[in-house]
Amino acid sequence: MLNRRADTALGAIAVSGGLPQQDDECAEAGLAGLAAGN
C-alpha cells in the first residue's frame, strides 16, 4: 500500500503472512499509525 499525502507518494508498506484481507488490514493500520504521528 502506498503512503500518500495529496497526490504525492511518500513511501509504501507491505505485509504478508495472513490471508490477503488480513494483510490489507495490517497495512492500513500501519498507515493510520504513521498518519497519527504527523
N, C-alpha and C. Protein backbone atom coordinates (compact mmCIF):
# COMPACT_ATOMS: atom_id res chain seq x y z
N MET A 1 0.84 -1.17 0.00
CA MET A 1 0.00 0.00 0.00
C MET A 1 0.88 1.23 0.00
N LEU A 2 0.48 2.19 -0.80
CA LEU A 2 1.24 3.44 -0.86
C LEU A 2 0.84 4.36 0.27
N ASN A 3 1.82 5.03 0.82
CA ASN A 3 1.59 6.09 1.79
C ASN A 3 1.60 7.38 0.99
N ARG A 4 0.45 8.05 0.92
CA ARG A 4 0.32 9.25 0.10
C ARG A 4 -0.08 10.45 0.95
N ARG A 5 0.35 11.59 0.49
CA ARG A 5 -0.15 12.86 1.00
C ARG A 5 -0.53 13.66 -0.22
N ALA A 6 -1.81 13.98 -0.33
CA ALA A 6 -2.36 14.60 -1.54
C ALA A 6 -2.07 13.66 -2.70
N ASP A 7 -1.37 14.13 -3.72
CA ASP A 7 -1.06 13.28 -4.88
C ASP A 7 0.38 12.81 -4.89
N THR A 8 1.08 12.95 -3.76
CA THR A 8 2.49 12.59 -3.69
C THR A 8 2.67 11.29 -2.92
N ALA A 9 3.35 10.33 -3.54
CA ALA A 9 3.67 9.07 -2.86
C ALA A 9 4.86 9.31 -1.95
N LEU A 10 4.71 9.00 -0.65
CA LEU A 10 5.76 9.20 0.33
C LEU A 10 6.54 7.93 0.61
N GLY A 11 5.95 6.79 0.35
CA GLY A 11 6.59 5.51 0.62
C GLY A 11 5.55 4.40 0.50
N ALA A 12 5.90 3.23 0.98
CA ALA A 12 4.99 2.10 0.88
C ALA A 12 5.15 1.19 2.10
N ILE A 13 4.09 0.46 2.39
CA ILE A 13 4.09 -0.54 3.45
C ILE A 13 3.65 -1.85 2.83
N ALA A 14 4.37 -2.91 3.13
CA ALA A 14 4.00 -4.23 2.65
C ALA A 14 3.97 -5.20 3.83
N VAL A 15 2.99 -6.06 3.84
CA VAL A 15 2.89 -7.10 4.86
C VAL A 15 2.50 -8.40 4.19
N SER A 16 2.84 -9.52 4.82
CA SER A 16 2.43 -10.82 4.31
C SER A 16 2.41 -11.80 5.46
N GLY A 17 1.77 -12.91 5.23
CA GLY A 17 1.73 -13.96 6.24
C GLY A 17 0.33 -14.39 6.59
N GLY A 18 -0.63 -13.54 6.31
CA GLY A 18 -2.01 -13.90 6.60
C GLY A 18 -2.79 -14.04 5.30
N LEU A 19 -4.08 -14.06 5.44
CA LEU A 19 -4.94 -14.02 4.26
C LEU A 19 -4.84 -12.62 3.65
N PRO A 20 -5.11 -12.46 2.36
CA PRO A 20 -4.99 -11.14 1.74
C PRO A 20 -5.75 -10.03 2.48
N GLN A 21 -6.95 -10.33 2.94
CA GLN A 21 -7.73 -9.32 3.67
C GLN A 21 -7.03 -8.95 4.98
N GLN A 22 -6.46 -9.92 5.67
CA GLN A 22 -5.74 -9.65 6.92
C GLN A 22 -4.50 -8.80 6.65
N ASP A 23 -3.78 -9.12 5.59
CA ASP A 23 -2.60 -8.35 5.23
C ASP A 23 -2.98 -6.90 4.93
N ASP A 24 -4.08 -6.70 4.19
CA ASP A 24 -4.54 -5.35 3.88
C ASP A 24 -4.90 -4.59 5.16
N GLU A 25 -5.58 -5.26 6.09
CA GLU A 25 -5.96 -4.61 7.34
C GLU A 25 -4.73 -4.21 8.15
N CYS A 26 -3.72 -5.04 8.16
CA CYS A 26 -2.47 -4.71 8.87
C CYS A 26 -1.77 -3.52 8.22
N ALA A 27 -1.72 -3.50 6.91
CA ALA A 27 -1.08 -2.39 6.21
C ALA A 27 -1.84 -1.09 6.46
N GLU A 28 -3.17 -1.15 6.43
CA GLU A 28 -3.98 0.04 6.69
C GLU A 28 -3.77 0.54 8.12
N ALA A 29 -3.65 -0.37 9.07
CA ALA A 29 -3.40 0.03 10.46
C ALA A 29 -2.03 0.69 10.58
N GLY A 30 -1.04 0.18 9.87
CA GLY A 30 0.28 0.80 9.87
C GLY A 30 0.26 2.20 9.30
N LEU A 31 -0.45 2.38 8.18
CA LEU A 31 -0.57 3.71 7.59
C LEU A 31 -1.29 4.66 8.53
N ALA A 32 -2.34 4.18 9.19
CA ALA A 32 -3.07 5.03 10.15
C ALA A 32 -2.16 5.44 11.30
N GLY A 33 -1.32 4.53 11.75
CA GLY A 33 -0.38 4.85 12.82
C GLY A 33 0.62 5.91 12.40
N LEU A 34 1.10 5.81 11.17
CA LEU A 34 2.02 6.83 10.66
C LEU A 34 1.33 8.18 10.55
N ALA A 35 0.10 8.18 10.06
CA ALA A 35 -0.64 9.43 9.91
C ALA A 35 -0.90 10.08 11.26
N ALA A 36 -1.14 9.28 12.28
CA ALA A 36 -1.41 9.81 13.62
C ALA A 36 -0.17 10.46 14.22
N GLY A 37 1.00 10.03 13.78
CA GLY A 37 2.25 10.57 14.30
C GLY A 37 2.65 11.88 13.66
N ASN A 38 1.93 12.31 12.63
CA ASN A 38 2.29 13.57 11.93
C ASN A 38 1.78 14.76 12.67
